Amino acid sequence: MLIEHRGEAEYDFRHSLHTPYKAVVLDDVDEAIRLTKELLKDPGTRLAAAIAEWDYPISVEAFLLASIYTAWSGQRHPLMPDDSERSITDVEIRLADLALENMNRR
């Protein structure tokens, strides 16, 4: 994965983790794997976007807003995955309902 998407990994190591890619990968492979796992948890990194085959990184906030839009309008936002790919969990529905309630209180 780090070899296939080396450009994205180097960028994220430099700009997100503030550490040199080459030194970490050559000196400590275990540390490189741990750091890569952290990068893959954040959809806003270029490496996570490349692995997910997205055109560009998407922030967690954008996913939350897309989820709220989907719950509010009843129509799937383009950022949300298709129903065939993944179903919305009860927790996500409750979080969207709470967010809408908080928005309506203001």
PDB file of N, CA and C in Angstrom:
ATOM      1  N   MET A   1       0.823  -1.178   0.000  1.00  0.00           N
ATOM      2  CA  MET A   1       0.000   0.000   0.000  1.00  0.00           C
ATOM      3  C   MET A   1       0.876   1.254   0.000  1.00  0.00           C
ATOM      4  N   LEU A   2       1.890   1.285   0.841  1.00  0.00           N
ATOM      5  CA  LEU A   2       2.778   2.444   0.869  1.00  0.00           C
ATOM      6  C   LEU A   2       3.577   2.575  -0.420  1.00  0.00           C
ATOM      7  N   ILE A   3       3.813   1.467  -1.083  1.00  0.00           N
ATOM      8  CA  ILE A   3       4.551   1.519  -2.343  1.00  0.00           C
ATOM      9  C   ILE A   3       3.639   1.955  -3.478  1.00  0.00           C
ATOM     10  N   GLU A   4       2.415   1.401  -3.519  1.00  0.00           N
ATOM     11  CA  GLU A   4       1.460   1.759  -4.571  1.00  0.00           C
ATOM     12  C   GLU A   4       1.081   3.232  -4.531  1.00  0.00           C
ATOM     13  N   HIS A   5       0.928   3.779  -3.339  1.00  0.00           N
ATOM     14  CA  HIS A   5       0.477   5.158  -3.165  1.00  0.00           C
ATOM     15  C   HIS A   5       1.566   5.971  -2.473  1.00  0.00           C
ATOM     16  N   ARG A   6       2.770   5.853  -2.993  1.00  0.00           N
ATOM     17  CA  ARG A   6       3.911   6.486  -2.335  1.00  0.00           C
ATOM     18  C   ARG A   6       3.799   8.007  -2.312  1.00  0.00           C
ATOM     19  N   GLY A   7       3.338   8.598  -3.387  1.00  0.00           N
ATOM     20  CA  GLY A   7       3.211  10.055  -3.435  1.00  0.00           C
ATOM     21  C   GLY A   7       2.266  10.584  -2.377  1.00  0.00           C
ATOM     22  N   GLU A   8       1.110   9.947  -2.256  1.00  0.00           N
ATOM     23  CA  GLU A   8       0.132  10.367  -1.247  1.00  0.00           C
ATOM     24  C   GLU A   8       0.680  10.133   0.162  1.00  0.00           C
ATOM     25  N   ALA A   9       1.343   8.982   0.358  1.00  0.00           N
ATOM     26  CA  ALA A   9       1.901   8.668   1.676  1.00  0.00           C
ATOM     27  C   ALA A   9       2.987   9.673   2.052  1.00  0.00           C
ATOM     28  N   GLU A  10       3.870  10.004   1.113  1.00  0.00           N
ATOM     29  CA  GLU A  10       4.921  10.983   1.397  1.00  0.00           C
ATOM     30  C   GLU A  10       4.321  12.334   1.758  1.00  0.00           C
ATOM     31  N   TYR A  11       3.305  12.766   1.026  1.00  0.00           N
ATOM     32  CA  TYR A  11       2.661  14.040   1.308  1.00  0.00           C
ATOM     33  C   TYR A  11       2.065  14.042   2.718  1.00  0.00           C
ATOM     34  N   ASP A  12       1.321  12.985   3.059  1.00  0.00           N
ATOM     35  CA  ASP A  12       0.680  12.927   4.371  1.00  0.00           C
ATOM     36  C   ASP A  12       1.697  12.820   5.506  1.00  0.00           C
ATOM     37  N   PHE A  13       2.759  12.056   5.306  1.00  0.00           N
ATOM     38  CA  PHE A  13       3.799  11.962   6.336  1.00  0.00           C
ATOM     39  C   PHE A  13       4.405  13.344   6.570  1.00  0.00           C
ATOM     40  N   ARG A  14       4.656  14.073   5.471  1.00  0.00           N
ATOM     41  CA  ARG A  14       5.272  15.388   5.580  1.00  0.00           C
ATOM     42  C   ARG A  14       4.332  16.424   6.185  1.00  0.00           C
ATOM     43  N   HIS A  15       3.093  16.500   5.663  1.00  0.00           N
ATOM     44  CA  HIS A  15       2.196  17.590   6.029  1.00  0.00           C
ATOM     45  C   HIS A  15       1.277  17.277   7.210  1.00  0.00           C
ATOM     46  N   SER A  16       0.883  16.043   7.385  1.00  0.00           N
ATOM     47  CA  SER A  16      -0.010  15.698   8.495  1.00  0.00           C
ATOM     48  C   SER A  16       0.766  15.260   9.737  1.00  0.00           C
ATOM     49  N   LEU A  17       1.793  14.449   9.518  1.00  0.00           N
ATOM     50  CA  LEU A  17       2.545  13.901  10.646  1.00  0.00           C
ATOM     51  C   LEU A  17       3.835  14.661  10.934  1.00  0.00           C
ATOM     52  N   HIS A  18       4.260  15.526  10.015  1.00  0.00           N
ATOM     53  CA  HIS A  18       5.481  16.331  10.156  1.00  0.00           C
ATOM     54  C   HIS A  18       6.699  15.448  10.417  1.00  0.00           C
ATOM     55  N   THR A  19       6.797  14.390   9.647  1.00  0.00           N
ATOM     56  CA  THR A  19       7.929  13.477   9.772  1.00  0.00           C
ATOM     57  C   THR A  19       8.359  13.023   8.376  1.00  0.00           C
ATOM     58  N   PRO A  20       9.649  12.784   8.163  1.00  0.00           N
ATOM     59  CA  PRO A  20      10.099  12.352   6.839  1.00  0.00           C
ATOM     60  C   PRO A  20       9.693  10.905   6.541  1.00  0.00           C
ATOM     61  N   TYR A  21       9.098  10.708   5.402  1.00  0.00           N
ATOM     62  CA  TYR A  21       8.597   9.394   4.992  1.00  0.00           C
ATOM     63  C   TYR A  21       9.734   8.382   4.882  1.00  0.00           C
ATOM     64  N   LYS A  22      10.761   8.737   4.139  1.00  0.00           N
ATOM     65  CA  LYS A  22      11.844   7.797   3.842  1.00  0.00           C
ATOM     66  C   LYS A  22      12.543   7.330   5.114  1.00  0.00           C
ATOM     67  N   ALA A  23      12.808   8.242   6.028  1.00  0.00           N
ATOM     68  CA  ALA A  23      13.509   7.875   7.263  1.00  0.00           C
ATOM     69  C   ALA A  23      12.673   6.926   8.112  1.00  0.00           C
ATOM     70  N   VAL A  24      11.393   7.184   8.214  1.00  0.00           N
ATOM     71  CA  VAL A  24      10.527   6.329   9.045  1.00  0.00           C
ATOM     72  C   VAL A  24      10.392   4.948   8.425  1.00  0.00           C
ATOM     73  N   VAL A  25      10.156   4.887   7.128  1.00  0.00           N
ATOM     74  CA  VAL A  25       9.945   3.597   6.471  1.00  0.00           C
ATOM     75  C   VAL A  25      11.215   2.755   6.478  1.00  0.00           C
ATOM     76  N   LEU A  26      12.360   3.368   6.262  1.00  0.00           N
ATOM     77  CA  LEU A  26      13.618   2.612   6.236  1.00  0.00           C
ATOM     78  C   LEU A  26      14.112   2.248   7.632  1.00  0.00           C
ATOM     79  N   ASP A  27      13.927   3.134   8.607  1.00  0.00           N
ATOM     80  CA  ASP A  27      14.479   2.899   9.947  1.00  0.00           C
ATOM     81  C   ASP A  27      13.585   2.029  10.826  1.00  0.00           C
ATOM     82  N   ASP A  28      12.282   2.257  10.783  1.00  0.00           N
ATOM     83  CA  ASP A  28      11.382   1.568  11.711  1.00  0.00           C
ATOM     84  C   ASP A  28      10.083   1.213  10.992  1.00  0.00           C
ATOM     85  N   VAL A  29      10.018   0.017  10.469  1.00  0.00           N
ATOM     86  CA  VAL A  29       8.855  -0.428   9.704  1.00  0.00           C
ATOM     87  C   VAL A  29       7.612  -0.503  10.580  1.00  0.00           C
ATOM     88  N   ASP A  30       7.770  -0.944  11.832  1.00  0.00           N
ATOM     89  CA  ASP A  30       6.620  -1.022  12.739  1.00  0.00           C
ATOM     90  C   ASP A  30       6.013   0.361  12.966  1.00  0.00           C
ATOM     91  N   GLU A  31       6.858   1.357  13.151  1.00  0.00           N
ATOM     92  CA  GLU A  31       6.366   2.729  13.334  1.00  0.00           C
ATOM     93  C   GLU A  31       5.677   3.221  12.069  1.00  0.00           C
ATOM     94  N   ALA A  32       6.214   2.872  10.921  1.00  0.00           N
ATOM     95  CA  ALA A  32       5.598   3.268   9.656  1.00  0.00           C
ATOM     96  C   ALA A  32       4.203   2.657   9.520  1.00  0.00           C
ATOM     97  N   ILE A  33       4.052   1.418   9.930  1.00  0.00           N
ATOM     98  CA  ILE A  33       2.741   0.759   9.863  1.00  0.00           C
ATOM     99  C   ILE A  33       1.764   1.428  10.818  1.00  0.00           C
ATOM    100  N   ARG A  34       2.226   1.739  12.033  1.00  0.00           N
ATOM    101  CA  ARG A  34       1.341   2.413  13.001  1.00  0.00           C
ATOM    102  C   ARG A  34       0.915   3.785  12.495  1.00  0.00           C
ATOM    103  N   LEU A  35       1.837   4.547  11.952  1.00  0.00           N
ATOM    104  CA  LEU A  35       1.506   5.869  11.432  1.00  0.00           C
ATOM    105  C   LEU A  35       0.576   5.777  10.229  1.00  0.00           C
ATOM    106  N   THR A  36       0.776   4.782   9.400  1.00  0.00           N
ATOM    107  CA  THR A  36      -0.096   4.594   8.240  1.00  0.00           C
ATOM    108  C   THR A  36      -1.509   4.262   8.683  1.00  0.00           C
ATOM    109  N   LYS A  37      -1.658   3.441   9.700  1.00  0.00           N
ATOM    110  CA  LYS A  37      -2.988   3.127  10.224  1.00  0.00           C
ATOM    111  C   LYS A  37      -3.684   4.386  10.719  1.00  0.00           C
ATOM    112  N   GLU A  38      -2.937   5.271  11.358  1.00  0.00           N
ATOM    113  CA  GLU A  38      -3.526   6.535  11.826  1.00  0.00           C
ATOM    114  C   GLU A  38      -3.946   7.409  10.652  1.00  0.00           C
ATOM    115  N   LEU A  39      -3.140   7.429   9.599  1.00  0.00           N
ATOM    116  CA  LEU A  39      -3.505   8.206   8.416  1.00  0.00           C
ATOM    117  C   LEU A  39      -4.767   7.666   7.750  1.00  0.00           C
ATOM    118  N   LEU A  40      -4.915   6.349   7.754  1.00  0.00           N
ATOM    119  CA  LEU A  40      -6.080   5.739   7.108  1.00  0.00           C
ATOM    120  C   LEU A  40      -7.366   5.957   7.900  1.00  0.00           C
ATOM    121  N   LYS A  41      -7.257   6.284   9.181  1.00  0.00           N
ATOM    122  CA  LYS A  41      -8.454   6.569   9.983  1.00  0.00           C
ATOM    123  C   LYS A  41      -9.080   7.910   9.631  1.00  0.00           C
ATOM    124  N   ASP A  42      -8.283   8.818   9.074  1.00  0.00           N
ATOM    125  CA  ASP A  42      -8.758  10.166   8.756  1.00  0.00           C
ATOM    126  C   ASP A  42      -9.067  10.261   7.261  1.00  0.00           C
ATOM    127  N   PRO A  43     -10.345  10.427   6.893  1.00  0.00           N
ATOM    128  CA  PRO A  43     -10.674  10.514   5.461  1.00  0.00           C
ATOM    129  C   PRO A  43     -10.174  11.803   4.814  1.00  0.00           C
ATOM    130  N   GLY A  44      -9.654  12.727   5.619  1.00  0.00           N
ATOM    131  CA  GLY A  44      -9.126  13.969   5.083  1.00  0.00           C
ATOM    132  C   GLY A  44      -7.692  13.873   4.597  1.00  0.00           C
ATOM    133  N   THR A  45      -7.075  12.702   4.714  1.00  0.00           N
ATOM    134  CA  THR A  45      -5.700  12.537   4.231  1.00  0.00           C
ATOM    135  C   THR A  45      -5.717  12.026   2.795  1.00  0.00           C
ATOM    136  N   ARG A  46      -4.669  12.349   2.085  1.00  0.00           N
ATOM    137  CA  ARG A  46      -4.582  11.928   0.677  1.00  0.00           C
ATOM    138  C   ARG A  46      -4.440  10.404   0.551  1.00  0.00           C
ATOM    139  N   LEU A  47      -3.760   9.780   1.505  1.00  0.00           N
ATOM    140  CA  LEU A  47      -3.582   8.332   1.457  1.00  0.00           C
ATOM    141  C   LEU A  47      -4.921   7.619   1.634  1.00  0.00           C
ATOM    142  N   ALA A  48      -5.721   8.056   2.592  1.00  0.00           N
ATOM    143  CA  ALA A  48      -7.032   7.438   2.802  1.00  0.00           C
ATOM    144  C   ALA A  48      -7.919   7.621   1.585  1.00  0.00           C
ATOM    145  N   ALA A  49      -7.853   8.794   0.955  1.00  0.00           N
ATOM    146  CA  ALA A  49      -8.652   9.040  -0.249  1.00  0.00           C
ATOM    147  C   ALA A  49      -8.191   8.147  -1.407  1.00  0.00           C
ATOM    148  N   ALA A  50      -6.889   7.961  -1.532  1.00  0.00           N
ATOM    149  CA  ALA A  50      -6.371   7.113  -2.613  1.00  0.00           C
ATOM    150  C   ALA A  50      -6.767   5.651  -2.401  1.00  0.00           C
ATOM    151  N   ILE A  51      -6.715   5.179  -1.163  1.00  0.00           N
ATOM    152  CA  ILE A  51      -7.086   3.789  -0.864  1.00  0.00           C
ATOM    153  C   ILE A  51      -8.572   3.574  -1.123  1.00  0.00           C
ATOM    154  N   ALA A  52      -9.397   4.575  -0.772  1.00  0.00           N
ATOM    155  CA  ALA A  52     -10.843   4.463  -0.984  1.00  0.00           C
ATOM    156  C   ALA A  52     -11.244   4.758  -2.423  1.00  0.00           C
ATOM    157  N   GLU A  53     -10.264   5.133  -3.264  1.00  0.00           N
ATOM    158  CA  GLU A  53     -10.477   5.449  -4.674  1.00  0.00           C
ATOM    159  C   GLU A  53     -11.387   6.663  -4.857  1.00  0.00           C
ATOM    160  N   TRP A  54     -11.206   7.677  -3.979  1.00  0.00           N
ATOM    161  CA  TRP A  54     -11.921   8.932  -4.121  1.00  0.00           C
ATOM    162  C   TRP A  54     -11.079   9.874  -4.969  1.00  0.00           C
ATOM    163  N   ASP A  55     -11.723  10.884  -5.542  1.00  0.00           N
ATOM    164  CA  ASP A  55     -11.002  11.862  -6.347  1.00  0.00           C
ATOM    165  C   ASP A  55     -10.185  12.819  -5.483  1.00  0.00           C
ATOM    166  N   TYR A  56     -10.653  13.081  -4.265  1.00  0.00           N
ATOM    167  CA  TYR A  56      -9.977  14.012  -3.376  1.00  0.00           C
ATOM    168  C   TYR A  56     -10.317  13.660  -1.928  1.00  0.00           C
ATOM    169  N   PRO A  57      -9.498  14.102  -0.966  1.00  0.00           N
ATOM    170  CA  PRO A  57      -9.793  13.823   0.446  1.00  0.00           C
ATOM    171  C   PRO A  57     -11.058  14.560   0.894  1.00  0.00           C
ATOM    172  N   ILE A  58     -11.782  13.959   1.825  1.00  0.00           N
ATOM    173  CA  ILE A  58     -13.018  14.543   2.341  1.00  0.00           C
ATOM    174  C   ILE A  58     -12.913  14.572   3.860  1.00  0.00           C
ATOM    175  N   SER A  59     -13.211  15.720   4.439  1.00  0.00           N
ATOM    176  CA  SER A  59     -13.077  15.870   5.888  1.00  0.00           C
ATOM    177  C   SER A  59     -14.191  15.136   6.622  1.00  0.00           C
ATOM    178  N   VAL A  60     -13.955  14.863   7.889  1.00  0.00           N
ATOM    179  CA  VAL A  60     -14.962  14.227   8.739  1.00  0.00           C
ATOM    180  C   VAL A  60     -16.181  15.131   8.846  1.00  0.00           C
ATOM    181  N   GLU A  61     -15.944  16.441   8.909  1.00  0.00           N
ATOM    182  CA  GLU A  61     -17.048  17.393   9.001  1.00  0.00           C
ATOM    183  C   GLU A  61     -17.948  17.324   7.771  1.00  0.00           C
ATOM    184  N   ALA A  62     -17.363  17.138   6.609  1.00  0.00           N
ATOM    185  CA  ALA A  62     -18.158  17.025   5.383  1.00  0.00           C
ATOM    186  C   ALA A  62     -19.048  15.782   5.433  1.00  0.00           C
ATOM    187  N   PHE A  63     -18.517  14.677   5.954  1.00  0.00           N
ATOM    188  CA  PHE A  63     -19.328  13.468   6.097  1.00  0.00           C
ATOM    189  C   PHE A  63     -20.478  13.688   7.078  1.00  0.00           C
ATOM    190  N   LEU A  64     -20.204  14.389   8.183  1.00  0.00           N
ATOM    191  CA  LEU A  64     -21.253  14.665   9.154  1.00  0.00           C
ATOM    192  C   LEU A  64     -22.349  15.537   8.543  1.00  0.00           C
ATOM    193  N   LEU A  65     -21.953  16.565   7.818  1.00  0.00           N
ATOM    194  CA  LEU A  65     -22.950  17.429   7.179  1.00  0.00           C
ATOM    195  C   LEU A  65     -23.744  16.674   6.118  1.00  0.00           C
ATOM    196  N   ALA A  66     -23.085  15.798   5.384  1.00  0.00           N
ATOM    197  CA  ALA A  66     -23.795  14.993   4.385  1.00  0.00           C
ATOM    198  C   ALA A  66     -24.782  14.047   5.060  1.00  0.00           C
ATOM    199  N   SER A  67     -24.397  13.508   6.217  1.00  0.00           N
ATOM    200  CA  SER A  67     -25.291  12.630   6.965  1.00  0.00           C
ATOM    201  C   SER A  67     -26.509  13.395   7.474  1.00  0.00           C
ATOM    202  N   ILE A  68     -26.288  14.597   7.984  1.00  0.00           N
ATOM    203  CA  ILE A  68     -27.404  15.419   8.454  1.00  0.00           C
ATOM    204  C   ILE A  68     -28.315  15.792   7.292  1.00  0.00           C
ATOM    205  N   TYR A  69     -27.737  16.155   6.159  1.00  0.00           N
ATOM    206  CA  TYR A  69     -28.526  16.492   4.979  1.00  0.00           C
ATOM    207  C   TYR A  69     -29.379  15.301   4.541  1.00  0.00           C
ATOM    208  N   THR A  70     -28.777  14.118   4.535  1.00  0.00           N
ATOM    209  CA  THR A  70     -29.497  12.912   4.135  1.00  0.00           C
ATOM    210  C   THR A  70     -30.659  12.635   5.074  1.00  0.00           C
ATOM    211  N   ALA A  71     -30.419  12.771   6.379  1.00  0.00           N
ATOM    212  CA  ALA A  71     -31.479  12.525   7.353  1.00  0.00           C
ATOM    213  C   ALA A  71     -32.572  13.587   7.255  1.00  0.00           C
ATOM    214  N   TRP A  72     -32.195  14.838   7.008  1.00  0.00           N
ATOM    215  CA  TRP A  72     -33.151  15.937   6.975  1.00  0.00           C
ATOM    216  C   TRP A  72     -34.000  15.926   5.716  1.00  0.00           C
ATOM    217  N   SER A  73     -33.367  15.705   4.574  1.00  0.00           N
ATOM    218  CA  SER A  73     -34.087  15.807   3.304  1.00  0.00           C
ATOM    219  C   SER A  73     -34.709  14.484   2.863  1.00  0.00           C
ATOM    220  N   GLY A  74     -34.192  13.390   3.360  1.00  0.00           N
ATOM    221  CA  GLY A  74     -34.686  12.093   2.920  1.00  0.00           C
ATOM    222  C   GLY A  74     -34.066  11.638   1.606  1.00  0.00           C
ATOM    223  N   GLN A  75     -33.196  12.459   1.033  1.00  0.00           N
ATOM    224  CA  GLN A  75     -32.496  12.103  -0.212  1.00  0.00           C
ATOM    225  C   GLN A  75     -31.022  11.917   0.106  1.00  0.00           C
ATOM    226  N   ARG A  76     -30.434  10.943  -0.539  1.00  0.00           N
ATOM    227  CA  ARG A  76     -29.022  10.652  -0.290  1.00  0.00           C
ATOM    228  C   ARG A  76     -28.148  11.776  -0.837  1.00  0.00           C
ATOM    229  N   HIS A  77     -27.280  12.289   0.029  1.00  0.00           N
ATOM    230  CA  HIS A  77     -26.300  13.290  -0.401  1.00  0.00           C
ATOM    231  C   HIS A  77     -25.237  12.583  -1.239  1.00  0.00           C
ATOM    232  N   PRO A  78     -24.670  13.249  -2.248  1.00  0.00           N
ATOM    233  CA  PRO A  78     -23.659  12.594  -3.096  1.00  0.00           C
ATOM    234  C   PRO A  78     -22.447  12.050  -2.341  1.00  0.00           C
ATOM    235  N   LEU A  79     -22.104  12.622  -1.180  1.00  0.00           N
ATOM    236  CA  LEU A  79     -20.968  12.106  -0.412  1.00  0.00           C
ATOM    237  C   LEU A  79     -21.293  10.816   0.326  1.00  0.00           C
ATOM    238  N   MET A  80     -22.568  10.574   0.562  1.00  0.00           N
ATOM    239  CA  MET A  80     -22.970   9.377   1.308  1.00  0.00           C
ATOM    240  C   MET A  80     -22.852   8.151   0.411  1.00  0.00           C
ATOM    241  N   PRO A  81     -22.455   7.004   0.975  1.00  0.00           N
ATOM    242  CA  PRO A  81     -22.351   5.782   0.167  1.00  0.00           C
ATOM    243  C   PRO A  81     -23.729   5.313  -0.287  1.00  0.00           C
ATOM    244  N   ASP A  82     -23.745   4.588  -1.388  1.00  0.00           N
ATOM    245  CA  ASP A  82     -25.010   4.032  -1.891  1.00  0.00           C
ATOM    246  C   ASP A  82     -25.580   3.054  -0.884  1.00  0.00           C
ATOM    247  N   ASP A  83     -26.892   2.861  -0.936  1.00  0.00           N
ATOM    248  CA  ASP A  83     -27.543   1.920  -0.028  1.00  0.00           C
ATOM    249  C   ASP A  83     -27.037   0.499  -0.243  1.00  0.00           C
ATOM    250  N   SER A  84     -26.663   0.189  -1.469  1.00  0.00           N
ATOM    251  CA  SER A  84     -26.173  -1.159  -1.743  1.00  0.00           C
ATOM    252  C   SER A  84     -24.816  -1.408  -1.090  1.00  0.00           C
ATOM    253  N   GLU A  85     -24.038  -0.335  -0.901  1.00  0.00           N
ATOM    254  CA  GLU A  85     -22.722  -0.480  -0.296  1.00  0.00           C
ATOM    255  C   GLU A  85     -22.805  -0.655   1.219  1.00  0.00           C
ATOM    256  N   ARG A  86     -23.709   0.112   1.850  1.00  0.00           N
ATOM    257  CA  ARG A  86     -23.724   0.140   3.294  1.00  0.00           C
ATOM    258  C   ARG A  86     -25.062   0.681   3.769  1.00  0.00           C
ATOM    259  N   SER A  87     -25.584   0.108   4.830  1.00  0.00           N
ATOM    260  CA  SER A  87     -26.840   0.618   5.366  1.00  0.00           C
ATOM    261  C   SER A  87     -26.548   1.539   6.545  1.00  0.00           C
ATOM    262  N   ILE A  88     -27.450   2.480   6.782  1.00  0.00           N
ATOM    263  CA  ILE A  88     -27.287   3.423   7.880  1.00  0.00           C
ATOM    264  C   ILE A  88     -27.647   2.720   9.176  1.00  0.00           C
ATOM    265  N   THR A  89     -26.793   2.835  10.160  1.00  0.00           N
ATOM    266  CA  THR A  89     -27.011   2.161  11.431  1.00  0.00           C
ATOM    267  C   THR A  89     -27.956   2.978  12.304  1.00  0.00           C
ATOM    268  N   ASP A  90     -28.483   2.331  13.342  1.00  0.00           N
ATOM    269  CA  ASP A  90     -29.370   3.015  14.287  1.00  0.00           C
ATOM    270  C   ASP A  90     -28.642   4.152  14.998  1.00  0.00           C
ATOM    271  N   VAL A  91     -27.370   3.953  15.281  1.00  0.00           N
ATOM    272  CA  VAL A  91     -26.590   4.992  15.955  1.00  0.00           C
ATOM    273  C   VAL A  91     -26.490   6.228  15.071  1.00  0.00           C
ATOM    274  N   GLU A  92     -26.226   6.036  13.785  1.00  0.00           N
ATOM    275  CA  GLU A  92     -26.132   7.170  12.872  1.00  0.00           C
ATOM    276  C   GLU A  92     -27.463   7.896  12.747  1.00  0.00           C
ATOM    277  N   ILE A  93     -28.547   7.159  12.737  1.00  0.00           N
ATOM    278  CA  ILE A  93     -29.868   7.777  12.663  1.00  0.00           C
ATOM    279  C   ILE A  93     -30.128   8.612  13.916  1.00  0.00           C
ATOM    280  N   ARG A  94     -29.786   8.053  15.082  1.00  0.00           N
ATOM    281  CA  ARG A  94     -29.981   8.800  16.335  1.00  0.00           C
ATOM    282  C   ARG A  94     -29.105  10.043  16.378  1.00  0.00           C
ATOM    283  N   LEU A  95     -27.852   9.938  15.920  1.00  0.00           N
ATOM    284  CA  LEU A  95     -26.970  11.106  15.906  1.00  0.00           C
ATOM    285  C   LEU A  95     -27.506  12.188  14.975  1.00  0.00           C
ATOM    286  N   ALA A  96     -28.007  11.792  13.819  1.00  0.00           N
ATOM    287  CA  ALA A  96     -28.580  12.765  12.890  1.00  0.00           C
ATOM    288  C   ALA A  96     -29.824  13.404  13.494  1.00  0.00           C
ATOM    289  N   ASP A  97     -30.666  12.624  14.174  1.00  0.00           N
ATOM    290  CA  ASP A  97     -31.859  13.167  14.820  1.00  0.00           C
ATOM    291  C   ASP A  97     -31.483  14.165  15.918  1.00  0.00           C
ATOM    292  N   LEU A  98     -30.472  13.825  16.718  1.00  0.00           N
ATOM    293  CA  LEU A  98     -30.014  14.745  17.759  1.00  0.00           C
ATOM    294  C   LEU A  98     -29.467  16.041  17.159  1.00  0.00           C
ATOM    295  N   ALA A  99     -28.722  15.918  16.085  1.00  0.00           N
ATOM    296  CA  ALA A  99     -28.176  17.111  15.430  1.00  0.00           C
ATOM    297  C   ALA A  99     -29.306  17.995  14.903  1.00  0.00           C
ATOM    298  N   LEU A 100     -30.330  17.376  14.325  1.00  0.00           N
ATOM    299  CA  LEU A 100     -31.464  18.156  13.820  1.00  0.00           C
ATOM    300  C   LEU A 100     -32.231  18.813  14.953  1.00  0.00           C
ATOM    301  N   GLU A 101     -32.402  18.102  16.056  1.00  0.00           N
ATOM    302  CA  GLU A 101     -33.082  18.695  17.217  1.00  0.00           C
ATOM    303  C   GLU A 101     -32.304  19.900  17.735  1.00  0.00           C
ATOM    304  N   ASN A 102     -30.999  19.792  17.819  1.00  0.00           N
ATOM    305  CA  ASN A 102     -30.178  20.902  18.280  1.00  0.00           C
ATOM    306  C   ASN A 102     -30.256  22.075  17.326  1.00  0.00           C
ATOM    307  N   MET A 103     -30.299  21.798  16.022  1.00  0.00           N
ATOM    308  CA  MET A 103     -30.414  22.883  15.038  1.00  0.00           C
ATOM    309  C   MET A 103     -31.781  23.571  15.171  1.00  0.00           C
ATOM    310  N   ASN A 104     -32.831  22.813  15.426  1.00  0.00           N
ATOM    311  CA  ASN A 104     -34.171  23.386  15.531  1.00  0.00           C
ATOM    312  C   ASN A 104     -34.359  24.207  16.798  1.00  0.00           C
ATOM    313  N   ARG A 105     -33.584  23.929  17.837  1.00  0.00           N
ATOM    314  CA  ARG A 105     -33.688  24.684  19.089  1.00  0.00           C
ATOM    315  C   ARG A 105     -33.162  26.106  18.940  1.00  0.00           C
ATOM    316  N   ARG A 106     -32.269  26.308  18.016  1.00  0.00           N
ATOM    317  CA  ARG A 106     -31.640  27.636  17.858  1.00  0.00           C
ATOM    318  C   ARG A 106     -32.534  28.543  17.154  1.00  0.00           C
TER     319      ARG A 106
END
